[in-house]
Protein backbone atom coordinates (compact mmCIF):
# COMPACT_ATOMS: atom_id res chain seq x y z
CA UNK A 1 19.35 3.44 2.23
CA UNK A 2 20.82 0.90 4.60
CA UNK A 3 18.99 -2.30 5.40
CA UNK A 4 18.46 -1.65 9.06
CA UNK A 5 16.53 -4.62 10.31
CA UNK A 6 17.81 -7.98 9.14
CA UNK A 7 16.76 -11.02 11.12
CA UNK A 8 20.12 -12.64 11.73
CA UNK A 9 20.19 -13.52 15.42
CA UNK A 10 18.68 -16.71 16.81
CA UNK A 11 18.55 -15.46 20.40
CA UNK A 12 15.14 -14.81 21.87
CA UNK A 13 14.04 -12.44 24.58
CA UNK A 14 10.73 -10.98 25.69
CA UNK A 15 9.49 -8.05 23.67
CA UNK A 16 8.79 -4.85 25.53
CA UNK A 17 5.94 -2.43 25.55
CA UNK A 18 4.59 -0.06 28.16
CA UNK A 19 6.37 0.57 31.43
CA UNK A 20 3.22 0.65 33.53
CA UNK A 21 4.06 -0.84 36.90
CA UNK A 22 1.85 -2.03 39.74
CA UNK A 23 1.43 0.16 42.78
CA UNK A 24 3.99 -0.12 45.56
CA UNK A 25 3.69 -3.32 47.49
CA UNK A 26 1.66 -5.04 44.78
CA UNK A 27 3.14 -8.13 43.20
CA UNK A 28 2.57 -9.08 39.61
CA UNK A 29 3.73 -8.59 36.08
CA UNK A 30 3.75 -5.16 34.53
CA UNK A 31 1.91 -4.37 31.31
CA UNK A 32 5.40 -4.10 29.81
CA UNK A 33 6.24 -7.75 30.47
CA UNK A 34 2.73 -9.16 30.24
CA UNK A 35 1.88 -7.80 26.84
CA UNK A 36 3.52 -10.64 24.94
CA UNK A 37 3.23 -14.14 26.33
CA UNK A 38 5.54 -15.60 23.72
CA UNK A 39 9.08 -14.41 23.27
CA UNK A 40 10.06 -12.72 20.05
CA UNK A 41 13.32 -12.69 18.19
CA UNK A 42 15.74 -10.10 19.42
CA UNK A 43 15.58 -8.40 16.04
CA UNK A 44 11.82 -7.86 16.27
CA UNK A 45 12.15 -6.61 19.84
CA UNK A 46 14.74 -4.11 18.60
CA UNK A 47 12.38 -3.05 15.81
CA UNK A 48 9.65 -2.37 18.36
CA UNK A 49 12.00 -0.18 20.39
CA UNK A 50 13.14 1.69 17.28
CA UNK A 51 9.55 2.34 16.17
CA UNK A 52 8.66 3.68 19.61
CA UNK A 53 11.66 5.98 19.52
CA UNK A 54 10.68 7.31 16.10
CA UNK A 55 7.05 7.80 17.10
CA UNK A 56 8.19 9.76 20.13
CA UNK A 57 9.16 12.54 17.74
CA UNK A 58 5.54 12.85 16.60
CA UNK A 59 3.52 13.64 19.74
CA UNK A 60 -0.17 14.20 20.08
CA UNK A 61 -0.04 17.84 19.02
CA UNK A 62 1.38 16.83 15.64
CA UNK A 63 -1.58 14.52 15.02
CA UNK A 64 -4.12 17.00 16.37
CA UNK A 65 -2.99 19.67 13.90
CA UNK A 66 -3.26 17.23 11.03
CA UNK A 67 -6.66 16.07 12.22
CA UNK A 68 -8.03 19.61 12.31
CA UNK A 69 -6.83 20.28 8.78
CA UNK A 70 -7.55 16.75 7.47
CA UNK A 71 -3.94 16.77 6.25
CA UNK A 72 -1.68 13.86 5.31
CA UNK A 73 1.18 13.08 7.76
CA UNK A 74 3.89 13.50 5.13
CA UNK A 75 6.68 14.08 7.65
CA UNK A 76 5.77 10.97 9.61
CA UNK A 77 5.61 8.79 6.50
CA UNK A 78 8.94 10.18 5.33
CA UNK A 79 10.54 9.39 8.68
CA UNK A 80 9.25 5.81 8.53
CA UNK A 81 10.59 5.51 4.99
CA UNK A 82 14.04 6.84 5.86
CA UNK A 83 14.24 4.46 8.81
CA UNK A 84 13.53 1.52 6.50
CA UNK A 85 10.27 0.47 8.15
CA UNK A 86 8.14 0.74 5.02
CA UNK A 87 10.60 -1.48 3.15
CA UNK A 88 10.35 -4.21 5.76
CA UNK A 89 8.76 -6.79 3.44
CA UNK A 90 10.85 -5.98 0.37
CA UNK A 91 13.57 -8.60 -0.20
CA UNK A 92 17.16 -7.60 0.47
CA UNK A 93 18.10 -8.03 -3.18
CA UNK A 94 15.80 -5.09 -3.98
CA UNK A 95 17.05 -2.90 -1.15
CA UNK A 96 14.56 -3.87 1.54
CA UNK A 97 14.92 -5.63 4.87
CA UNK A 98 13.48 -8.97 3.77
CA UNK A 99 11.44 -9.41 6.93
CA UNK A 100 8.27 -11.41 7.41
CA UNK A 101 4.71 -10.45 8.20
CA UNK A 102 5.27 -10.77 11.95
CA UNK A 103 7.84 -7.98 11.79
CA UNK A 104 5.51 -5.83 9.70
CA UNK A 105 2.73 -6.44 12.23
CA UNK A 106 5.06 -5.42 15.07
CA UNK A 107 5.90 -2.18 13.26
CA UNK A 108 2.27 -1.21 12.76
CA UNK A 109 1.25 -2.30 16.24
CA UNK A 110 3.90 -0.13 17.85
CA UNK A 111 2.95 2.86 15.69
CA UNK A 112 -0.59 2.68 17.05
CA UNK A 113 0.46 1.82 20.59
CA UNK A 114 2.52 5.02 20.54
CA UNK A 115 -0.52 7.13 19.73
CA UNK A 116 0.33 7.57 16.05
CA UNK A 117 -1.62 6.30 13.04
CA UNK A 118 -0.25 3.78 10.54
CA UNK A 119 -3.21 4.12 8.17
CA UNK A 120 -1.25 6.72 6.22
CA UNK A 121 1.19 4.08 5.03
CA UNK A 122 0.06 0.56 5.94
CA UNK A 123 -1.02 -0.29 2.39
CA UNK A 124 2.63 -0.45 1.38
CA UNK A 125 2.81 -3.47 3.68
CA UNK A 126 -0.27 -5.43 2.69
CA UNK A 127 -0.16 -4.77 -1.05
CA UNK A 128 3.43 -5.94 -1.18
CA UNK A 129 2.51 -9.64 -1.10
CA UNK A 130 0.65 -9.50 -4.42
CA UNK A 131 3.61 -7.90 -6.16
CA UNK A 132 6.16 -10.18 -4.52
CA UNK A 133 4.24 -13.40 -5.17
CA UNK A 134 2.77 -12.72 -8.58
CA UNK A 135 4.65 -9.80 -10.12
CA UNK A 136 7.04 -10.37 -13.00
CA UNK A 137 10.80 -10.13 -12.61
CA UNK A 138 10.70 -6.93 -14.65
CA UNK A 139 8.03 -5.38 -12.42
CA UNK A 140 9.97 -6.22 -9.28
CA UNK A 141 13.22 -4.85 -10.68
CA UNK A 142 11.50 -1.69 -11.89
CA UNK A 143 9.51 -0.80 -8.80
CA UNK A 144 10.81 -2.49 -5.65
CA UNK A 145 14.20 -0.73 -5.37
CA UNK A 146 12.55 2.66 -5.87
CA UNK A 147 9.89 1.83 -3.27
CA UNK A 148 12.58 0.71 -0.83
CA UNK A 149 14.50 3.95 -1.36
CA UNK A 150 11.36 5.99 -0.80
CA UNK A 151 11.32 7.35 -4.34
CA UNK A 152 7.98 5.66 -5.07
CA UNK A 153 4.97 5.01 -2.88
CA UNK A 154 2.73 1.98 -3.30
CA UNK A 155 -0.08 3.14 -1.05
CA UNK A 156 -3.30 2.77 -3.05
CA UNK A 157 -5.38 -0.39 -3.41
CA UNK A 158 -8.36 -0.16 -5.79
CA UNK A 159 -10.89 -2.93 -5.18
CA UNK A 160 -14.14 -1.64 -3.63
CA UNK A 161 -16.79 -0.03 -5.84
CA UNK A 162 -19.92 1.98 -4.98
CA UNK A 163 -22.34 -0.63 -6.37
CA UNK A 164 -20.63 -3.77 -5.11
CA UNK A 165 -19.03 -2.86 -1.79
CA UNK A 166 -17.51 -5.99 -0.28
CA UNK A 167 -19.12 -8.14 -2.97
CA UNK A 168 -15.85 -8.03 -4.87
CA UNK A 169 -16.89 -10.51 -7.54
CA UNK A 170 -19.62 -8.11 -8.70
CA UNK A 171 -17.27 -5.24 -9.48
CA UNK A 172 -17.90 -3.43 -12.76
CA UNK A 173 -14.60 -1.74 -13.59
CA UNK A 174 -13.36 -3.22 -16.86
CA UNK A 175 -9.95 -3.53 -18.47
CA UNK A 176 -10.17 -4.47 -22.14
CA UNK A 177 -7.14 -5.47 -24.19
CA UNK A 178 -6.38 -3.20 -27.14
CA UNK A 179 -3.15 -4.23 -28.89
CA UNK A 180 -0.31 -3.49 -26.48
CA UNK A 181 -2.52 -1.66 -23.97
CA UNK A 182 -5.49 -2.22 -21.67
CA UNK A 183 -8.28 0.34 -21.70
CA UNK A 184 -9.77 0.77 -18.23
CA UNK A 185 -13.19 2.22 -17.43
CA UNK A 186 -15.02 2.32 -14.14
CA UNK A 187 -14.98 3.66 -10.64
CA UNK A 188 -13.50 2.74 -7.26
CA UNK A 189 -14.44 4.06 -3.84
CA UNK A 190 -12.69 4.11 -0.47
CA UNK A 191 -9.37 4.00 -2.30
CA UNK A 192 -7.38 5.51 0.53
CA UNK A 193 -4.16 7.48 -0.05
CA UNK A 194 -4.68 7.67 -3.85
CA UNK A 195 -3.67 11.33 -3.71
CA UNK A 196 -0.46 10.45 -1.92
CA UNK A 197 0.61 7.37 -3.85
CA UNK A 198 2.56 6.94 -7.06
CA UNK A 199 1.38 3.39 -7.73
CA UNK A 200 -2.07 1.83 -7.60
CA UNK A 201 -2.79 -1.88 -7.30
CA UNK A 202 -6.06 -2.25 -9.20
CA UNK A 203 -8.53 -5.13 -9.59
CA UNK A 204 -10.63 -5.00 -12.76
CA UNK A 205 -12.69 -7.35 -14.90
CA UNK A 206 -10.92 -8.44 -18.10
CA UNK A 207 -13.54 -11.03 -19.12
CA UNK A 208 -17.31 -10.41 -18.88
CA UNK A 209 -19.12 -12.29 -16.11
CA UNK A 210 -21.28 -14.10 -18.67
CA UNK A 211 -18.21 -15.47 -20.45
CA UNK A 212 -16.66 -17.26 -17.45
CA UNK A 213 -17.69 -20.50 -15.76
CA UNK A 214 -17.04 -19.29 -12.22
CA UNK A 215 -17.59 -15.90 -10.63
CA UNK A 216 -14.00 -15.89 -9.42
CA UNK A 217 -12.67 -16.01 -12.97
CA UNK A 218 -12.08 -13.12 -15.36
CA UNK A 219 -10.67 -10.63 -12.84
CA UNK A 220 -7.14 -9.29 -13.23
CA UNK A 221 -4.70 -7.24 -11.18
CA UNK A 222 -2.83 -4.26 -12.57
CA UNK A 223 -0.01 -2.21 -11.13
CA UNK A 224 -0.76 1.30 -12.35
CA UNK A 225 1.77 4.11 -12.43
CA UNK A 226 -0.59 6.96 -11.62
CA UNK A 227 2.02 9.57 -12.48
CA UNK A 228 1.76 8.64 -16.15
CA UNK A 229 -1.93 7.77 -16.27
CA UNK A 230 -4.35 9.67 -18.46
CA UNK A 231 -8.09 9.41 -17.95
CA UNK A 232 -7.75 9.05 -14.17
CA UNK A 233 -9.38 11.45 -11.71
CA UNK A 234 -9.49 11.44 -7.95
CA UNK A 235 -12.12 12.93 -5.64
CA UNK A 236 -11.38 13.16 -1.89
CA UNK A 237 -14.04 11.94 0.55
CA UNK A 238 -14.19 13.71 3.90
CA UNK A 239 -14.86 11.29 6.75
CA UNK A 240 -15.19 11.42 10.53
CA UNK A 241 -11.50 10.57 10.87
CA UNK A 242 -8.48 11.87 8.98
CA UNK A 243 -8.09 8.90 6.64
CA UNK A 244 -7.18 10.46 3.26
CA UNK A 245 -9.67 8.29 1.42
CA UNK A 246 -10.95 8.95 -2.09
CA UNK A 247 -13.14 8.01 -5.00
CA UNK A 248 -11.23 7.18 -8.21
CA UNK A 249 -12.65 7.37 -11.74
CA UNK A 250 -11.22 5.71 -14.86
CA UNK A 251 -12.29 7.12 -18.21
CA UNK A 252 -10.67 5.23 -21.12
CA UNK A 253 -7.45 5.08 -19.15
CA UNK A 254 -4.82 3.32 -21.27
CA UNK A 255 -2.10 1.36 -19.49
CA UNK A 256 0.67 -0.76 -21.02
CA UNK A 257 0.20 -4.51 -21.17
CA UNK A 258 3.14 -4.94 -18.83
CA UNK A 259 1.01 -3.34 -16.11
CA UNK A 260 -0.74 -6.70 -15.74
CA UNK A 261 0.34 -8.60 -12.62
CA UNK A 262 0.57 -12.34 -13.19
CA UNK A 263 -1.89 -14.03 -15.55
CA UNK A 264 -4.96 -12.41 -16.97
CA UNK A 265 -8.14 -13.62 -15.28
CA UNK A 266 -6.39 -14.93 -12.14
CA UNK A 267 -6.54 -11.70 -10.19
CA UNK A 268 -9.10 -12.69 -7.59
CA UNK A 269 -6.94 -15.50 -6.25
CA UNK A 270 -3.96 -13.12 -6.22
CA UNK A 271 -5.61 -10.58 -3.99
CA UNK A 272 -7.00 -13.14 -1.54
CA UNK A 273 -3.60 -13.68 0.04
CA UNK A 274 -3.14 -9.93 0.05
CA UNK A 275 -6.46 -9.55 1.83
CA UNK A 276 -5.35 -12.04 4.46
CA UNK A 277 -2.21 -9.97 5.01
CA UNK A 278 -4.35 -6.84 5.18
CA UNK A 279 -6.60 -8.34 7.85
CA UNK A 280 -3.62 -9.48 9.95
CA UNK A 281 -1.84 -6.12 9.73
CA UNK A 282 -4.98 -4.13 10.48
CA UNK A 283 -5.58 -6.45 13.43
CA UNK A 284 -2.07 -5.62 14.67
CA UNK A 285 -2.95 -1.93 14.48
CA UNK A 286 -6.05 -2.62 16.54
CA UNK A 287 -3.92 -4.36 19.16
CA UNK A 288 -1.74 -1.27 19.26
CA UNK A 289 -4.77 0.97 19.66
CA UNK A 290 -6.08 -1.20 22.49
CA UNK A 291 -2.73 -1.01 24.27
CA UNK A 292 -2.72 2.77 23.94
CA UNK A 293 -6.22 3.11 25.39
CA UNK A 294 -5.44 0.70 28.24
CA UNK A 295 -2.21 2.51 29.09
CA UNK A 296 -3.96 5.87 28.96
CA UNK A 297 -6.84 4.72 31.16
CA UNK A 298 -4.58 2.94 33.65
CA UNK A 299 -2.38 5.98 34.13
CA UNK A 300 -5.34 8.30 34.55
CA UNK A 301 -7.11 5.96 36.97
CA UNK A 302 -4.04 5.99 39.23
CA UNK A 303 -3.58 9.76 39.07
CA UNK A 304 -7.16 11.03 39.22
CA UNK A 305 -8.26 11.48 42.84
CA UNK A 306 -11.92 11.90 43.79
CA UNK A 307 -13.46 11.65 47.26
CA UNK A 308 -10.00 11.28 48.73
CA UNK A 309 -8.88 8.23 46.73
CA UNK A 310 -7.66 7.34 43.22
CA UNK A 311 -10.57 6.40 41.01
CA UNK A 312 -8.62 3.30 40.01
CA UNK A 313 -9.14 1.97 43.52
CA UNK A 314 -12.80 1.51 42.72
CA UNK A 315 -13.73 -1.81 41.14
CA UNK A 316 -16.24 -0.02 38.92
CA UNK A 317 -13.25 1.62 37.25
CA UNK A 318 -10.82 -1.28 37.61
CA UNK A 319 -12.96 -3.98 36.07
CA UNK A 320 -13.58 -2.37 32.64
CA UNK A 321 -9.85 -1.66 32.28
CA UNK A 322 -8.94 -5.21 33.28
CA UNK A 323 -11.56 -6.66 30.94
CA UNK A 324 -10.24 -4.56 28.04
CA UNK A 325 -6.76 -5.83 28.83
CA UNK A 326 -7.96 -9.45 28.81
CA UNK A 327 -9.69 -8.93 25.46
CA UNK A 328 -6.55 -7.37 23.99
CA UNK A 329 -4.34 -10.22 25.17
CA UNK A 330 -6.64 -12.88 23.73
CA UNK A 331 -6.90 -11.07 20.40
CA UNK A 332 -3.13 -10.63 20.29
CA UNK A 333 -2.68 -14.40 20.43
CA UNK A 334 -4.86 -14.85 17.36
CA UNK A 335 -2.99 -12.13 15.47
CA UNK A 336 0.28 -13.91 16.17
CA UNK A 337 -1.12 -17.28 15.11
CA UNK A 338 -2.46 -15.84 11.87
CA UNK A 339 0.84 -14.14 11.06
CA UNK A 340 2.72 -17.36 11.77
CA UNK A 341 0.49 -19.36 9.42
CA UNK A 342 0.79 -16.69 6.71
CA UNK A 343 4.57 -16.69 6.93
CA UNK A 344 4.60 -20.49 6.71
CA UNK A 345 2.59 -20.32 3.48
CA UNK A 346 -0.32 -22.18 5.03
CA UNK A 347 -4.04 -21.48 4.67
CA UNK A 348 -4.83 -18.76 7.17
CA UNK A 349 -8.19 -17.45 5.94
CA UNK A 350 -10.05 -18.36 9.12
CA UNK A 351 -7.27 -17.16 11.41
CA UNK A 352 -6.78 -13.87 9.54
CA UNK A 353 -10.50 -13.15 9.79
CA UNK A 354 -10.62 -14.18 13.44
CA UNK A 355 -7.65 -11.93 14.17
CA UNK A 356 -9.33 -8.97 12.53
CA UNK A 357 -12.66 -9.61 14.29
CA UNK A 358 -11.23 -10.11 17.78
CA UNK A 359 -8.69 -7.29 17.54
CA UNK A 360 -11.22 -4.79 16.19
CA UNK A 361 -13.63 -5.69 18.98
CA UNK A 362 -10.83 -5.41 21.56
CA UNK A 363 -9.73 -1.98 20.36
CA UNK A 364 -13.29 -0.67 20.24
CA UNK A 365 -14.03 -1.98 23.73
CA UNK A 366 -10.80 -0.39 25.00
CA UNK A 367 -11.69 2.90 23.32
CA UNK A 368 -15.11 2.99 24.94
CA UNK A 369 -13.60 2.08 28.30
CA UNK A 370 -10.97 4.82 28.00
CA UNK A 371 -13.56 7.51 27.31
CA UNK A 372 -15.66 6.28 30.22
CA UNK A 373 -12.66 6.26 32.55
CA UNK A 374 -11.76 9.84 31.67
CA UNK A 375 -15.31 11.12 31.82
CA UNK A 376 -15.60 14.56 30.25
CA UNK A 377 -11.87 14.72 29.58
CA UNK A 378 -12.27 11.78 27.22
CA UNK A 379 -14.02 14.15 24.82
CA UNK A 380 -11.39 16.87 25.07
CA UNK A 381 -9.16 17.21 22.03
CA UNK A 382 -5.98 17.73 24.04
CA UNK A 383 -6.19 14.25 25.55
CA UNK A 384 -6.05 12.62 22.07
CA UNK A 385 -8.62 10.04 23.16
CA UNK A 386 -11.43 11.34 20.98
CA UNK A 387 -9.14 11.26 17.93
CA UNK A 388 -8.01 7.71 18.58
CA UNK A 389 -11.62 6.79 19.41
CA UNK A 390 -12.71 7.90 15.94
CA UNK A 391 -9.75 6.24 14.25
CA UNK A 392 -10.24 2.82 15.83
CA UNK A 393 -14.00 2.85 15.17
CA UNK A 394 -13.19 2.50 11.49
CA UNK A 395 -12.00 -1.07 11.96
CA UNK A 396 -15.45 -2.33 12.86
CA UNK A 397 -16.22 -1.61 9.19
CA UNK A 398 -12.95 -1.65 7.25
CA UNK A 399 -11.26 -3.30 5.54
CA UNK A 400 -14.11 -5.74 6.08
CA UNK A 401 -17.19 -5.51 8.25
CA UNK A 402 -17.18 -7.64 11.39
CA UNK A 403 -20.59 -8.98 10.32
CA UNK A 404 -19.13 -10.34 7.08
CA UNK A 405 -16.38 -12.02 9.06
CA UNK A 406 -19.02 -13.74 11.15
CA UNK A 407 -20.76 -14.89 7.97
CA UNK A 408 -17.45 -16.22 6.65
CA UNK A 409 -16.78 -18.17 9.85
CA UNK A 410 -20.32 -19.53 9.92
CA UNK A 411 -20.11 -20.86 6.38
CA UNK A 412 -16.46 -21.81 5.86
CA UNK A 413 -15.50 -22.91 9.36
CA UNK A 414 -18.74 -24.13 10.92
CA UNK A 415 -20.34 -25.47 7.75
CA UNK A 416 -23.57 -23.51 8.10
CA UNK A 417 -25.65 -22.63 5.02
CA UNK A 418 -24.38 -19.72 2.96
CA UNK A 419 -26.12 -16.51 4.02
CA UNK A 420 -25.16 -14.29 1.11
């Protein structure tokens, strides 16, 4: 597979998005030029255009059929793989594009802004950091080229458990050393795409809680080849949106010692940076969703005529659309700042959480506005709004609840007493 998107040009130009123009005689910037206040590299702008072109081959009817059947978008994921988008973060030496998180965010944003859904494959982006930063040379050589070629999928991330939820440090899944293997027992929930992934990035306890000084110690990360795993079972969970999520059970599952990523007992710190990447990339998807809803509502408000005039001429319709646009733009700035800090290797915990909070709120507000603008048609399947409405609602809860983000900001940024 060729490395399609290498950042090699220093020139900068404005990125593009929707071609929604003001009415005749009205001055002002279009949504196309106003979406991004800061210029992007030409390479990233080209990536955005290429993603939009690819997504154009997967229209609403494709997603509606999948949604009805709760089926995985295998053709869409394969197309992204063949185009090199899912190998964006893999270094060139392993067959990837060697791009940064900002490029990955642009890819996922454009997928969602085009009306598609990146949830089927986004884990390959945000789990990559743990492997790249903490994986052994042997692990990278073994897996990364195959992932880049599309021969392997790294789509599953096993952290959350039924009894602990987002209280990660209380997880109960154990991995006990037995000679040249680890024996894993336990259960994970909301492990999305486990049925469609070859590899699983798993967090498990290797040292009992009582035997460590700090709660953050004694957790380890494993890269599991699920194709060769015994004692692993997967149970799909049907949800209100087509998210391919599952419950995973480990029953004396034996994995080789070389499945361990980094040092034993250091796993919690390893996944923190991965969680920051996850929040930033999910936030980018929310920005894309918000743009889609705003574009959809704006077009409809100009076309729909009632009482002899376009409904978009009424301020009662205009104002919610404009407010949703303002929220999206503000959230987009925070996503970009968080991605910039992450790429620079700086602490971005607060910014990543802020990006996720603001972008999730912006997409949900835009979704509600879009349904309201369309009235009854907003509930009709053929308009795709109700599908996207359900999809973007997820991000008020996952991958972290907005309430927990507020608690994090209160304690770690504002210095308020710990609430949990």
